[in-house]
Amino acid sequence: MSHLVFSFDGAHGTGKDTLIAQVKEWLESDSHEVLYFSERWAAEQFYIPPLETLDRENVFEWELWWLIGLKKREEYVAKKLERAYPGTIVLENRDFRSSLAYTEATVGRDYFYSFLQEEIETILNTIKLRRVPITLTCSVETAMQRIQERDRAESKQWHEDSLDFWIKVDKNFKAFKDPLIWTDQENALEIAKVIINNRLLNDLRPM
């Protein structure tokens, strides 16, 4: 059984940290070896300069730094899995395509967006991990409440309390057509379990 990387992504305030923690606890209780990597791993291991303004050039430069950080995280994950127990499951907060979702919501689809898209494709073709992307969403009211409660500095940088901005980002994530989980519904964890179990079962089937 080979390793699988489940990446949980979605707009800010969709409950990624909470759901990943629940999924991790469930998998470990079911005797799975689990590795978890937060979205802040890159910033903790690799300097990413703060976002100064939301103008086109600054957003593009920041997203490039962010991609470099995520690439370093994936390189580390790949090396870690080389020595990991067979069947180890990796849980990640954020996927490369978050750069596309936020860039499009901030500055639209232009040559910056296309450049990031090409960079992501190159990274995915270079670091070959078996990825299973999962998109999280919720009502905009729930997201705004969560954002206000956490009051992070980066939330102010990205104007995360903007309803229009959140709706754009959420729409962009949903356009990727990945498995979708509504985290403000009581069955969010159960849906995550079904998605993961189905993928694990497919992995066990003979080719």
N, C-alpha and C. Protein backbone atom coordinates (compact mmCIF):
# COMPACT_ATOMS: atom_id res chain seq x y z
N MET A 1 0.86 -1.20 0.00
CA MET A 1 0.00 0.00 0.00
C MET A 1 0.88 1.24 0.00
N SER A 2 0.70 2.11 -0.97
CA SER A 2 1.54 3.30 -1.07
C SER A 2 0.95 4.44 -0.24
N HIS A 3 1.72 5.50 -0.15
CA HIS A 3 1.30 6.65 0.65
C HIS A 3 0.30 7.51 -0.11
N LEU A 4 -0.60 8.14 0.64
CA LEU A 4 -1.56 9.07 0.07
C LEU A 4 -1.47 10.40 0.80
N VAL A 5 -1.62 11.48 0.03
CA VAL A 5 -1.58 12.83 0.60
C VAL A 5 -2.96 13.46 0.40
N PHE A 6 -3.67 13.68 1.49
CA PHE A 6 -4.97 14.34 1.45
C PHE A 6 -4.77 15.81 1.79
N SER A 7 -5.04 16.69 0.84
CA SER A 7 -4.89 18.13 1.07
C SER A 7 -6.27 18.75 1.22
N PHE A 8 -6.44 19.49 2.31
CA PHE A 8 -7.71 20.18 2.60
C PHE A 8 -7.54 21.66 2.30
N ASP A 9 -8.39 22.17 1.43
CA ASP A 9 -8.25 23.57 1.03
C ASP A 9 -9.62 24.21 0.95
N GLY A 10 -9.61 25.51 0.85
CA GLY A 10 -10.85 26.26 0.77
C GLY A 10 -10.61 27.69 1.21
N ALA A 11 -11.60 28.50 1.08
CA ALA A 11 -11.48 29.91 1.48
C ALA A 11 -11.21 30.01 2.97
N HIS A 12 -10.67 31.15 3.38
CA HIS A 12 -10.42 31.41 4.79
C HIS A 12 -11.72 31.31 5.58
N GLY A 13 -11.63 30.73 6.77
CA GLY A 13 -12.81 30.61 7.62
C GLY A 13 -13.68 29.41 7.33
N THR A 14 -13.21 28.48 6.49
CA THR A 14 -14.01 27.29 6.18
C THR A 14 -13.73 26.13 7.13
N GLY A 15 -12.92 26.34 8.15
CA GLY A 15 -12.75 25.31 9.18
C GLY A 15 -11.75 24.22 8.86
N LYS A 16 -10.70 24.57 8.13
CA LYS A 16 -9.70 23.57 7.75
C LYS A 16 -8.98 22.98 8.97
N ASP A 17 -8.50 23.83 9.85
CA ASP A 17 -7.77 23.34 11.04
C ASP A 17 -8.63 22.39 11.86
N THR A 18 -9.88 22.77 12.08
CA THR A 18 -10.78 21.96 12.91
C THR A 18 -11.06 20.61 12.30
N LEU A 19 -11.41 20.59 11.01
CA LEU A 19 -11.75 19.32 10.37
C LEU A 19 -10.52 18.42 10.24
N ILE A 20 -9.38 18.99 9.91
CA ILE A 20 -8.16 18.18 9.79
C ILE A 20 -7.82 17.54 11.13
N ALA A 21 -7.96 18.29 12.22
CA ALA A 21 -7.69 17.73 13.55
C ALA A 21 -8.62 16.55 13.84
N GLN A 22 -9.88 16.67 13.45
CA GLN A 22 -10.84 15.59 13.67
C GLN A 22 -10.49 14.37 12.81
N VAL A 23 -10.11 14.62 11.56
CA VAL A 23 -9.74 13.53 10.66
C VAL A 23 -8.48 12.82 11.17
N LYS A 24 -7.52 13.58 11.63
CA LYS A 24 -6.28 13.01 12.16
C LYS A 24 -6.57 12.11 13.37
N GLU A 25 -7.41 12.59 14.27
CA GLU A 25 -7.76 11.80 15.45
C GLU A 25 -8.46 10.50 15.05
N TRP A 26 -9.37 10.60 14.07
CA TRP A 26 -10.09 9.41 13.61
C TRP A 26 -9.13 8.40 12.97
N LEU A 27 -8.24 8.86 12.09
CA LEU A 27 -7.31 7.95 11.42
C LEU A 27 -6.37 7.27 12.41
N GLU A 28 -5.87 8.03 13.36
CA GLU A 28 -4.95 7.46 14.35
C GLU A 28 -5.68 6.46 15.26
N SER A 29 -6.94 6.73 15.57
CA SER A 29 -7.71 5.78 16.38
C SER A 29 -7.99 4.49 15.61
N ASP A 30 -7.88 4.57 14.27
CA ASP A 30 -8.08 3.40 13.41
C ASP A 30 -6.74 2.77 13.02
N SER A 31 -5.69 3.11 13.78
CA SER A 31 -4.35 2.51 13.65
C SER A 31 -3.60 2.91 12.39
N HIS A 32 -3.92 4.05 11.82
CA HIS A 32 -3.17 4.55 10.67
C HIS A 32 -2.01 5.42 11.15
N GLU A 33 -0.90 5.33 10.43
CA GLU A 33 0.20 6.25 10.66
C GLU A 33 -0.12 7.55 9.91
N VAL A 34 -0.08 8.68 10.62
CA VAL A 34 -0.50 9.95 10.03
C VAL A 34 0.58 11.00 10.22
N LEU A 35 0.87 11.74 9.15
CA LEU A 35 1.74 12.91 9.21
C LEU A 35 0.90 14.14 8.86
N TYR A 36 1.05 15.20 9.63
CA TYR A 36 0.27 16.40 9.38
C TYR A 36 1.20 17.59 9.12
N PHE A 37 0.84 18.38 8.10
CA PHE A 37 1.61 19.58 7.76
C PHE A 37 0.65 20.74 7.61
N SER A 38 0.87 21.77 8.42
CA SER A 38 -0.02 22.93 8.41
C SER A 38 0.34 23.88 7.27
N GLU A 39 -0.55 24.83 7.03
CA GLU A 39 -0.25 25.84 6.00
C GLU A 39 0.87 26.76 6.47
N ARG A 40 1.10 26.81 7.78
CA ARG A 40 2.15 27.69 8.32
C ARG A 40 3.51 27.01 8.33
N TRP A 41 3.57 25.75 7.94
CA TRP A 41 4.87 25.04 7.95
C TRP A 41 5.88 25.79 7.10
N ALA A 42 5.46 26.21 5.91
CA ALA A 42 6.39 26.90 5.01
C ALA A 42 6.91 28.18 5.64
N ALA A 43 6.01 28.95 6.26
CA ALA A 43 6.42 30.21 6.87
C ALA A 43 7.34 29.99 8.07
N GLU A 44 7.15 28.85 8.77
CA GLU A 44 7.98 28.55 9.92
C GLU A 44 9.37 28.07 9.51
N GLN A 45 9.47 27.44 8.35
CA GLN A 45 10.74 26.87 7.91
C GLN A 45 11.45 27.75 6.88
N PHE A 46 10.70 28.65 6.26
CA PHE A 46 11.23 29.40 5.13
C PHE A 46 10.63 30.80 5.16
N TYR A 47 11.48 31.80 5.07
CA TYR A 47 10.99 33.17 5.20
C TYR A 47 10.09 33.57 4.03
N ILE A 48 8.88 33.99 4.37
CA ILE A 48 7.95 34.54 3.39
C ILE A 48 7.64 35.96 3.82
N PRO A 49 8.02 36.96 3.05
CA PRO A 49 7.82 38.35 3.46
C PRO A 49 6.35 38.69 3.61
N PRO A 50 6.03 39.63 4.47
CA PRO A 50 4.62 40.01 4.66
C PRO A 50 4.05 40.68 3.41
N LEU A 51 2.76 40.52 3.24
CA LEU A 51 2.07 41.17 2.12
C LEU A 51 1.81 42.63 2.48
N GLU A 52 2.35 43.54 1.69
CA GLU A 52 2.24 44.96 2.00
C GLU A 52 0.89 45.53 1.56
N THR A 53 0.54 45.32 0.30
CA THR A 53 -0.72 45.84 -0.23
C THR A 53 -1.32 44.80 -1.15
N LEU A 54 -2.56 45.02 -1.58
CA LEU A 54 -3.24 44.07 -2.46
C LEU A 54 -3.18 44.50 -3.93
N ASP A 55 -2.19 45.32 -4.29
CA ASP A 55 -2.07 45.67 -5.71
C ASP A 55 -1.46 44.48 -6.47
N ARG A 56 -1.59 44.52 -7.76
CA ARG A 56 -1.24 43.39 -8.62
C ARG A 56 0.19 42.87 -8.40
N GLU A 57 1.16 43.75 -8.41
CA GLU A 57 2.56 43.32 -8.31
C GLU A 57 2.86 42.69 -6.95
N ASN A 58 2.32 43.29 -5.88
CA ASN A 58 2.57 42.76 -4.55
C ASN A 58 1.93 41.39 -4.35
N VAL A 59 0.71 41.23 -4.82
CA VAL A 59 0.03 39.95 -4.71
C VAL A 59 0.79 38.87 -5.48
N PHE A 60 1.22 39.20 -6.70
CA PHE A 60 1.95 38.23 -7.52
C PHE A 60 3.26 37.83 -6.85
N GLU A 61 4.00 38.83 -6.33
CA GLU A 61 5.27 38.52 -5.67
C GLU A 61 5.06 37.65 -4.43
N TRP A 62 4.02 37.98 -3.66
CA TRP A 62 3.74 37.20 -2.46
C TRP A 62 3.36 35.77 -2.81
N GLU A 63 2.54 35.59 -3.84
CA GLU A 63 2.13 34.24 -4.24
C GLU A 63 3.32 33.42 -4.73
N LEU A 64 4.28 34.07 -5.36
CA LEU A 64 5.49 33.35 -5.78
C LEU A 64 6.27 32.87 -4.55
N TRP A 65 6.41 33.74 -3.54
CA TRP A 65 7.07 33.32 -2.30
C TRP A 65 6.30 32.15 -1.67
N TRP A 66 4.99 32.25 -1.68
CA TRP A 66 4.14 31.22 -1.09
C TRP A 66 4.33 29.89 -1.83
N LEU A 67 4.40 29.93 -3.15
CA LEU A 67 4.61 28.71 -3.93
C LEU A 67 5.97 28.08 -3.61
N ILE A 68 6.99 28.92 -3.47
CA ILE A 68 8.31 28.40 -3.12
C ILE A 68 8.26 27.70 -1.77
N GLY A 69 7.55 28.33 -0.82
CA GLY A 69 7.41 27.71 0.50
C GLY A 69 6.67 26.39 0.44
N LEU A 70 5.58 26.32 -0.32
CA LEU A 70 4.83 25.07 -0.46
C LEU A 70 5.65 24.01 -1.18
N LYS A 71 6.44 24.43 -2.16
CA LYS A 71 7.31 23.48 -2.85
C LYS A 71 8.31 22.86 -1.88
N LYS A 72 8.88 23.68 -1.00
CA LYS A 72 9.80 23.17 0.00
C LYS A 72 9.10 22.21 0.95
N ARG A 73 7.85 22.52 1.28
CA ARG A 73 7.08 21.61 2.13
C ARG A 73 6.88 20.26 1.44
N GLU A 74 6.54 20.30 0.14
CA GLU A 74 6.31 19.05 -0.59
C GLU A 74 7.58 18.25 -0.74
N GLU A 75 8.71 18.92 -0.93
CA GLU A 75 10.00 18.22 -1.01
C GLU A 75 10.29 17.53 0.30
N TYR A 76 9.99 18.21 1.40
CA TYR A 76 10.20 17.61 2.72
C TYR A 76 9.27 16.42 2.94
N VAL A 77 8.00 16.57 2.53
CA VAL A 77 7.04 15.47 2.64
C VAL A 77 7.51 14.26 1.86
N ALA A 78 7.98 14.48 0.64
CA ALA A 78 8.46 13.38 -0.21
C ALA A 78 9.62 12.64 0.45
N LYS A 79 10.57 13.38 1.02
CA LYS A 79 11.70 12.75 1.71
C LYS A 79 11.24 12.00 2.95
N LYS A 80 10.29 12.59 3.67
CA LYS A 80 9.75 11.96 4.87
C LYS A 80 9.07 10.64 4.53
N LEU A 81 8.35 10.60 3.42
CA LEU A 81 7.63 9.40 3.03
C LEU A 81 8.56 8.29 2.54
N GLU A 82 9.74 8.65 2.09
CA GLU A 82 10.71 7.63 1.67
C GLU A 82 11.08 6.71 2.82
N ARG A 83 11.02 7.24 4.05
CA ARG A 83 11.40 6.47 5.23
C ARG A 83 10.20 6.11 6.11
N ALA A 84 9.01 6.46 5.64
CA ALA A 84 7.81 6.26 6.46
C ALA A 84 7.29 4.83 6.37
N TYR A 85 6.49 4.48 7.34
CA TYR A 85 5.84 3.17 7.37
C TYR A 85 4.92 3.03 6.16
N PRO A 86 4.91 1.87 5.49
CA PRO A 86 4.04 1.69 4.31
C PRO A 86 2.58 2.03 4.64
N GLY A 87 1.96 2.80 3.76
CA GLY A 87 0.58 3.17 3.96
C GLY A 87 0.38 4.40 4.82
N THR A 88 1.47 5.08 5.17
CA THR A 88 1.35 6.31 5.95
C THR A 88 0.49 7.33 5.20
N ILE A 89 -0.39 7.99 5.93
CA ILE A 89 -1.29 8.98 5.34
C ILE A 89 -0.81 10.38 5.72
N VAL A 90 -0.74 11.25 4.74
CA VAL A 90 -0.35 12.64 4.99
C VAL A 90 -1.58 13.53 4.90
N LEU A 91 -1.75 14.40 5.88
CA LEU A 91 -2.80 15.41 5.86
C LEU A 91 -2.16 16.77 5.72
N GLU A 92 -2.61 17.54 4.75
CA GLU A 92 -2.04 18.87 4.52
C GLU A 92 -3.12 19.94 4.57
N ASN A 93 -2.78 21.04 5.21
CA ASN A 93 -3.63 22.23 5.17
C ASN A 93 -3.12 23.13 4.05
N ARG A 94 -3.90 23.31 3.06
CA ARG A 94 -3.61 24.09 1.86
C ARG A 94 -2.94 23.25 0.77
N ASP A 95 -3.31 23.57 -0.44
CA ASP A 95 -2.80 22.95 -1.65
C ASP A 95 -2.24 24.05 -2.54
N PHE A 96 -1.47 23.67 -3.53
CA PHE A 96 -0.86 24.65 -4.43
C PHE A 96 -1.90 25.55 -5.10
N ARG A 97 -3.06 24.99 -5.37
CA ARG A 97 -4.04 25.74 -6.14
C ARG A 97 -4.68 26.87 -5.35
N SER A 98 -4.38 26.93 -4.04
CA SER A 98 -4.87 28.08 -3.27
C SER A 98 -4.32 29.38 -3.85
N SER A 99 -3.09 29.30 -4.41
CA SER A 99 -2.51 30.49 -5.06
C SER A 99 -3.38 30.96 -6.22
N LEU A 100 -3.92 30.01 -6.96
CA LEU A 100 -4.76 30.36 -8.10
C LEU A 100 -6.09 30.96 -7.64
N ALA A 101 -6.68 30.35 -6.61
CA ALA A 101 -7.98 30.82 -6.12
C ALA A 101 -7.89 32.24 -5.59
N TYR A 102 -6.82 32.52 -4.83
CA TYR A 102 -6.69 33.85 -4.24
C TYR A 102 -6.20 34.88 -5.25
N THR A 103 -5.33 34.46 -6.15
CA THR A 103 -4.86 35.40 -7.18
C THR A 103 -6.00 35.84 -8.08
N GLU A 104 -6.83 34.90 -8.50
CA GLU A 104 -7.96 35.25 -9.36
C GLU A 104 -8.94 36.16 -8.64
N ALA A 105 -9.17 35.89 -7.35
CA ALA A 105 -10.10 36.72 -6.58
C ALA A 105 -9.56 38.13 -6.36
N THR A 106 -8.22 38.25 -6.34
CA THR A 106 -7.61 39.55 -6.04
C THR A 106 -7.36 40.38 -7.29
N VAL A 107 -6.73 39.76 -8.30
CA VAL A 107 -6.33 40.53 -9.49
C VAL A 107 -6.90 39.98 -10.79
N GLY A 108 -7.68 38.89 -10.72
CA GLY A 108 -8.27 38.34 -11.93
C GLY A 108 -7.36 37.35 -12.64
N ARG A 109 -7.80 36.89 -13.79
CA ARG A 109 -7.02 35.95 -14.61
C ARG A 109 -6.26 36.73 -15.67
N ASP A 110 -4.97 36.87 -15.49
CA ASP A 110 -4.15 37.52 -16.50
C ASP A 110 -2.86 36.73 -16.64
N TYR A 111 -1.81 37.34 -17.16
CA TYR A 111 -0.57 36.60 -17.36
C TYR A 111 0.06 36.19 -16.04
N PHE A 112 -0.20 36.92 -14.95
CA PHE A 112 0.28 36.51 -13.63
C PHE A 112 -0.33 35.16 -13.26
N TYR A 113 -1.63 35.06 -13.44
CA TYR A 113 -2.36 33.83 -13.14
C TYR A 113 -1.82 32.67 -13.98
N SER A 114 -1.65 32.90 -15.26
CA SER A 114 -1.15 31.86 -16.16
C SER A 114 0.25 31.41 -15.77
N PHE A 115 1.08 32.37 -15.35
CA PHE A 115 2.44 32.03 -14.92
C PHE A 115 2.40 31.14 -13.69
N LEU A 116 1.57 31.49 -12.71
CA LEU A 116 1.44 30.67 -11.50
C LEU A 116 0.93 29.29 -11.84
N GLN A 117 -0.01 29.21 -12.75
CA GLN A 117 -0.57 27.93 -13.18
C GLN A 117 0.52 27.03 -13.77
N GLU A 118 1.36 27.60 -14.61
CA GLU A 118 2.45 26.84 -15.21
C GLU A 118 3.46 26.39 -14.15
N GLU A 119 3.75 27.27 -13.19
CA GLU A 119 4.69 26.92 -12.12
C GLU A 119 4.15 25.76 -11.29
N ILE A 120 2.86 25.78 -11.00
CA ILE A 120 2.25 24.71 -10.21
C ILE A 120 2.31 23.39 -10.96
N GLU A 121 2.01 23.41 -12.24
CA GLU A 121 2.07 22.19 -13.04
C GLU A 121 3.48 21.61 -13.05
N THR A 122 4.48 22.48 -13.13
CA THR A 122 5.88 22.03 -13.11
C THR A 122 6.21 21.38 -11.77
N ILE A 123 5.77 21.99 -10.68
CA ILE A 123 6.04 21.43 -9.35
C ILE A 123 5.37 20.07 -9.19
N LEU A 124 4.12 19.96 -9.59
CA LEU A 124 3.39 18.70 -9.44
C LEU A 124 3.99 17.60 -10.29
N ASN A 125 4.53 17.95 -11.44
CA ASN A 125 5.18 16.96 -12.31
C ASN A 125 6.56 16.57 -11.81
N THR A 126 7.15 17.44 -10.98
CA THR A 126 8.49 17.16 -10.46
C THR A 126 8.43 16.37 -9.16
N ILE A 127 7.55 16.79 -8.26
CA ILE A 127 7.39 16.10 -6.97
C ILE A 127 6.15 15.23 -7.08
N LYS A 128 6.36 13.97 -7.37
CA LYS A 128 5.25 13.08 -7.69
C LYS A 128 4.74 12.38 -6.42
N LEU A 129 3.77 13.02 -5.79
CA LEU A 129 3.07 12.43 -4.65
C LEU A 129 1.64 12.09 -5.07
N ARG A 130 1.07 11.11 -4.42
CA ARG A 130 -0.30 10.71 -4.75
C ARG A 130 -1.25 11.59 -3.96
N ARG A 131 -1.73 12.63 -4.59
CA ARG A 131 -2.52 13.65 -3.92
C ARG A 131 -4.02 13.42 -4.09
N VAL A 132 -4.75 13.71 -3.03
CA VAL A 132 -6.21 13.67 -3.07
C VAL A 132 -6.71 15.01 -2.52
N PRO A 133 -6.99 15.97 -3.40
CA PRO A 133 -7.46 17.29 -2.93
C PRO A 133 -8.91 17.24 -2.49
N ILE A 134 -9.21 17.92 -1.38
CA ILE A 134 -10.56 18.03 -0.85
C ILE A 134 -10.85 19.51 -0.58
N THR A 135 -11.96 20.00 -1.08
CA THR A 135 -12.33 21.40 -0.89
C THR A 135 -13.34 21.54 0.24
N LEU A 136 -13.09 22.50 1.12
CA LEU A 136 -14.02 22.79 2.22
C LEU A 136 -14.74 24.10 1.94
N THR A 137 -15.99 24.16 2.35
CA THR A 137 -16.78 25.38 2.21
C THR A 137 -17.73 25.48 3.39
N CYS A 138 -18.46 26.58 3.46
CA CYS A 138 -19.47 26.79 4.49
C CYS A 138 -20.27 28.02 4.07
N SER A 139 -21.25 28.37 4.85
CA SER A 139 -21.99 29.60 4.54
C SER A 139 -21.09 30.80 4.78
N VAL A 140 -21.35 31.87 4.06
CA VAL A 140 -20.53 33.08 4.23
C VAL A 140 -20.70 33.64 5.63
N GLU A 141 -21.88 33.47 6.23
CA GLU A 141 -22.11 33.95 7.60
C GLU A 141 -21.22 33.20 8.59
N THR A 142 -21.12 31.89 8.43
CA THR A 142 -20.27 31.08 9.30
C THR A 142 -18.81 31.47 9.15
N ALA A 143 -18.38 31.67 7.91
CA ALA A 143 -16.99 32.05 7.66
C ALA A 143 -16.65 33.39 8.30
N MET A 144 -17.54 34.38 8.15
CA MET A 144 -17.28 35.69 8.72
C MET A 144 -17.20 35.64 10.24
N GLN A 145 -18.05 34.82 10.85
CA GLN A 145 -18.03 34.67 12.30
C GLN A 145 -16.70 34.06 12.76
N ARG A 146 -16.25 33.03 12.05
CA ARG A 146 -14.98 32.39 12.40
C ARG A 146 -13.81 33.36 12.25
N ILE A 147 -13.82 34.13 11.18
CA ILE A 147 -12.73 35.09 10.93
C ILE A 147 -12.67 36.14 12.03
N GLN A 148 -13.82 36.64 12.44
CA GLN A 148 -13.86 37.64 13.50
C GLN A 148 -13.37 37.08 14.83
N GLU A 149 -13.67 35.81 15.08
CA GLU A 149 -13.28 35.19 16.35
C GLU A 149 -11.78 34.96 16.44
N ARG A 150 -11.13 34.65 15.32
CA ARG A 150 -9.70 34.34 15.38
C ARG A 150 -8.83 35.60 15.32
N ASP A 151 -9.27 36.66 14.64
CA ASP A 151 -8.60 37.96 14.65
C ASP A 151 -7.09 37.85 14.40
N ARG A 152 -6.70 37.25 13.28
CA ARG A 152 -5.28 37.11 12.94
C ARG A 152 -4.79 38.31 12.14
N ALA A 153 -3.48 38.57 12.25
CA ALA A 153 -2.89 39.69 11.52
C ALA A 153 -3.04 39.51 10.01
N GLU A 154 -2.83 38.26 9.53
CA GLU A 154 -2.92 38.02 8.09
C GLU A 154 -4.35 38.21 7.58
N SER A 155 -5.33 38.06 8.47
CA SER A 155 -6.71 38.29 8.06
C SER A 155 -6.92 39.73 7.64
N LYS A 156 -6.28 40.64 8.35
CA LYS A 156 -6.38 42.06 8.01
C LYS A 156 -5.62 42.37 6.73
N GLN A 157 -4.45 41.72 6.55
CA GLN A 157 -3.66 41.94 5.34
C GLN A 157 -4.45 41.59 4.09
N TRP A 158 -5.16 40.48 4.15
CA TRP A 158 -5.87 39.98 2.97
C TRP A 158 -7.32 40.45 2.91
N HIS A 159 -7.73 41.33 3.82
CA HIS A 159 -9.11 41.81 3.84
C HIS A 159 -10.09 40.64 3.91
N GLU A 160 -9.77 39.68 4.79
CA GLU A 160 -10.58 38.47 4.86
C GLU A 160 -11.99 38.72 5.37
N ASP A 161 -12.22 39.86 6.00
CA ASP A 161 -13.56 40.16 6.49
C ASP A 161 -14.45 40.78 5.42
N SER A 162 -13.95 40.83 4.19
CA SER A 162 -14.74 41.34 3.07
C SER A 162 -15.65 40.23 2.53
N LEU A 163 -16.95 40.48 2.55
CA LEU A 163 -17.91 39.49 2.05
C LEU A 163 -17.67 39.20 0.57
N ASP A 164 -17.52 40.25 -0.23
CA ASP A 164 -17.35 40.06 -1.67
C ASP A 164 -16.09 39.26 -1.98
N PHE A 165 -15.00 39.56 -1.26
CA PHE A 165 -13.74 38.85 -1.48
C PHE A 165 -13.90 37.37 -1.13
N TRP A 166 -14.52 37.08 0.01
CA TRP A 166 -14.71 35.68 0.43
C TRP A 166 -15.53 34.91 -0.60
N ILE A 167 -16.59 35.53 -1.09
CA ILE A 167 -17.46 34.87 -2.07
C ILE A 167 -16.68 34.53 -3.34
N LYS A 168 -15.82 35.45 -3.78
CA LYS A 168 -14.99 35.19 -4.96
C LYS A 168 -14.04 34.02 -4.73
N VAL A 169 -13.35 34.03 -3.59
CA VAL A 169 -12.39 32.96 -3.29
C VAL A 169 -13.10 31.61 -3.20
N ASP A 170 -14.22 31.58 -2.49
CA ASP A 170 -14.99 30.34 -2.34
C ASP A 170 -15.44 29.80 -3.69
N LYS A 171 -15.91 30.70 -4.55
CA LYS A 171 -16.34 30.30 -5.89
C LYS A 171 -15.18 29.70 -6.68
N ASN A 172 -13.99 30.30 -6.56
CA ASN A 172 -12.83 29.80 -7.29
C ASN A 172 -12.42 28.41 -6.82
N PHE A 173 -12.48 28.17 -5.52
CA PHE A 173 -12.15 26.83 -5.02
C PHE A 173 -13.15 25.79 -5.51
N LYS A 174 -14.42 26.13 -5.49
CA LYS A 174 -15.45 25.19 -5.94
C LYS A 174 -15.29 24.86 -7.42
N ALA A 175 -14.72 25.78 -8.19
CA ALA A 175 -14.54 25.55 -9.62
C ALA A 175 -13.53 24.44 -9.91
N PHE A 176 -12.71 24.07 -8.92
CA PHE A 176 -11.74 22.99 -9.14
C PHE A 176 -12.42 21.62 -9.22
N LYS A 177 -13.68 21.54 -8.78
CA LYS A 177 -14.48 20.31 -8.88
C LYS A 177 -13.90 19.15 -8.08
N ASP A 178 -13.25 19.45 -6.95
CA ASP A 178 -12.78 18.40 -6.05
C ASP A 178 -13.93 17.97 -5.15
N PRO A 179 -13.78 16.83 -4.43
CA PRO A 179 -14.79 16.47 -3.42
C PRO A 179 -15.03 17.66 -2.49
N LEU A 180 -16.29 17.93 -2.19
CA LEU A 180 -16.65 19.14 -1.45
C LEU A 180 -17.29 18.78 -0.11
N ILE A 181 -16.84 19.45 0.96
CA ILE A 181 -17.41 19.23 2.29
C ILE A 181 -17.88 20.56 2.86
N TRP A 182 -19.12 20.60 3.33
CA TRP A 182 -19.65 21.78 4.02
C TRP A 182 -19.35 21.63 5.50
N THR A 183 -18.44 22.43 6.02
CA THR A 183 -17.98 22.24 7.40
C THR A 183 -18.96 22.79 8.44
N ASP A 184 -19.98 23.53 8.03
CA ASP A 184 -20.97 23.99 8.99
C ASP A 184 -22.17 23.06 9.06
N GLN A 185 -22.03 21.88 8.49
CA GLN A 185 -23.04 20.84 8.62
C GLN A 185 -22.55 19.78 9.59
N GLU A 186 -23.45 19.17 10.34
CA GLU A 186 -23.08 18.24 11.39
C GLU A 186 -22.36 17.00 10.87
N ASN A 187 -22.60 16.64 9.61
CA ASN A 187 -22.02 15.42 9.07
C ASN A 187 -20.71 15.66 8.32
N ALA A 188 -20.04 16.80 8.56
CA ALA A 188 -18.81 17.12 7.83
C ALA A 188 -17.75 16.05 8.02
N LEU A 189 -17.52 15.62 9.26
CA LEU A 189 -16.51 14.59 9.52
C LEU A 189 -16.89 13.27 8.86
N GLU A 190 -18.16 12.92 8.90
CA GLU A 190 -18.60 11.65 8.29
C GLU A 190 -18.38 11.67 6.77
N ILE A 191 -18.62 12.81 6.16
CA ILE A 191 -18.38 12.92 4.71
C ILE A 191 -16.89 12.79 4.43
N ALA A 192 -16.06 13.40 5.26
CA ALA A 192 -14.61 13.27 5.09
C ALA A 192 -14.18 11.81 5.23
N LYS A 193 -14.77 11.11 6.17
CA LYS A 193 -14.45 9.68 6.35
C LYS A 193 -14.80 8.87 5.11
N VAL A 194 -15.96 9.16 4.51
CA VAL A 194 -16.38 8.44 3.30
C VAL A 194 -15.40 8.70 2.16
N ILE A 195 -15.03 9.96 1.96
CA ILE A 195 -14.10 10.31 0.89
C ILE A 195 -12.77 9.59 1.08
N ILE A 196 -12.25 9.62 2.29
CA ILE A 196 -10.94 9.02 2.57
C ILE A 196 -11.01 7.50 2.48
N ASN A 197 -12.05 6.90 3.07
CA ASN A 197 -12.17 5.44 3.02
C ASN A 197 -12.32 4.93 1.59
N ASN A 198 -13.10 5.64 0.78
CA ASN A 198 -13.25 5.24 -0.62
C ASN A 198 -11.92 5.28 -1.35
N ARG A 199 -11.12 6.31 -1.08
CA ARG A 199 -9.81 6.42 -1.73
C ARG A 199 -8.88 5.34 -1.25
N LEU A 200 -8.93 5.02 0.05
CA LEU A 200 -8.08 3.95 0.58
C LEU A 200 -8.48 2.60 0.02
N LEU A 201 -9.78 2.38 -0.14
CA LEU A 201 -10.25 1.11 -0.72
C LEU A 201 -9.80 0.98 -2.17
N ASN A 202 -9.90 2.07 -2.93
CA ASN A 202 -9.44 2.05 -4.32
C ASN A 202 -7.95 1.74 -4.39
N ASP A 203 -7.21 2.22 -3.42
CA ASP A 203 -5.76 2.00 -3.39
C ASP A 203 -5.43 0.54 -3.14
N LEU A 204 -6.32 -0.18 -2.47
CA LEU A 204 -6.07 -1.58 -2.14
C LEU A 204 -6.47 -2.53 -3.26
N ARG A 205 -7.30 -2.07 -4.19
CA ARG A 205 -7.78 -2.92 -5.26
C ARG A 205 -6.64 -3.26 -6.24
N PRO A 206 -6.57 -4.49 -6.69
CA PRO A 206 -5.53 -4.86 -7.65
C PRO A 206 -5.73 -4.15 -8.98
N MET A 207 -4.63 -3.76 -9.60
CA MET A 207 -4.69 -3.08 -10.88
C MET A 207 -5.00 -4.08 -12.00
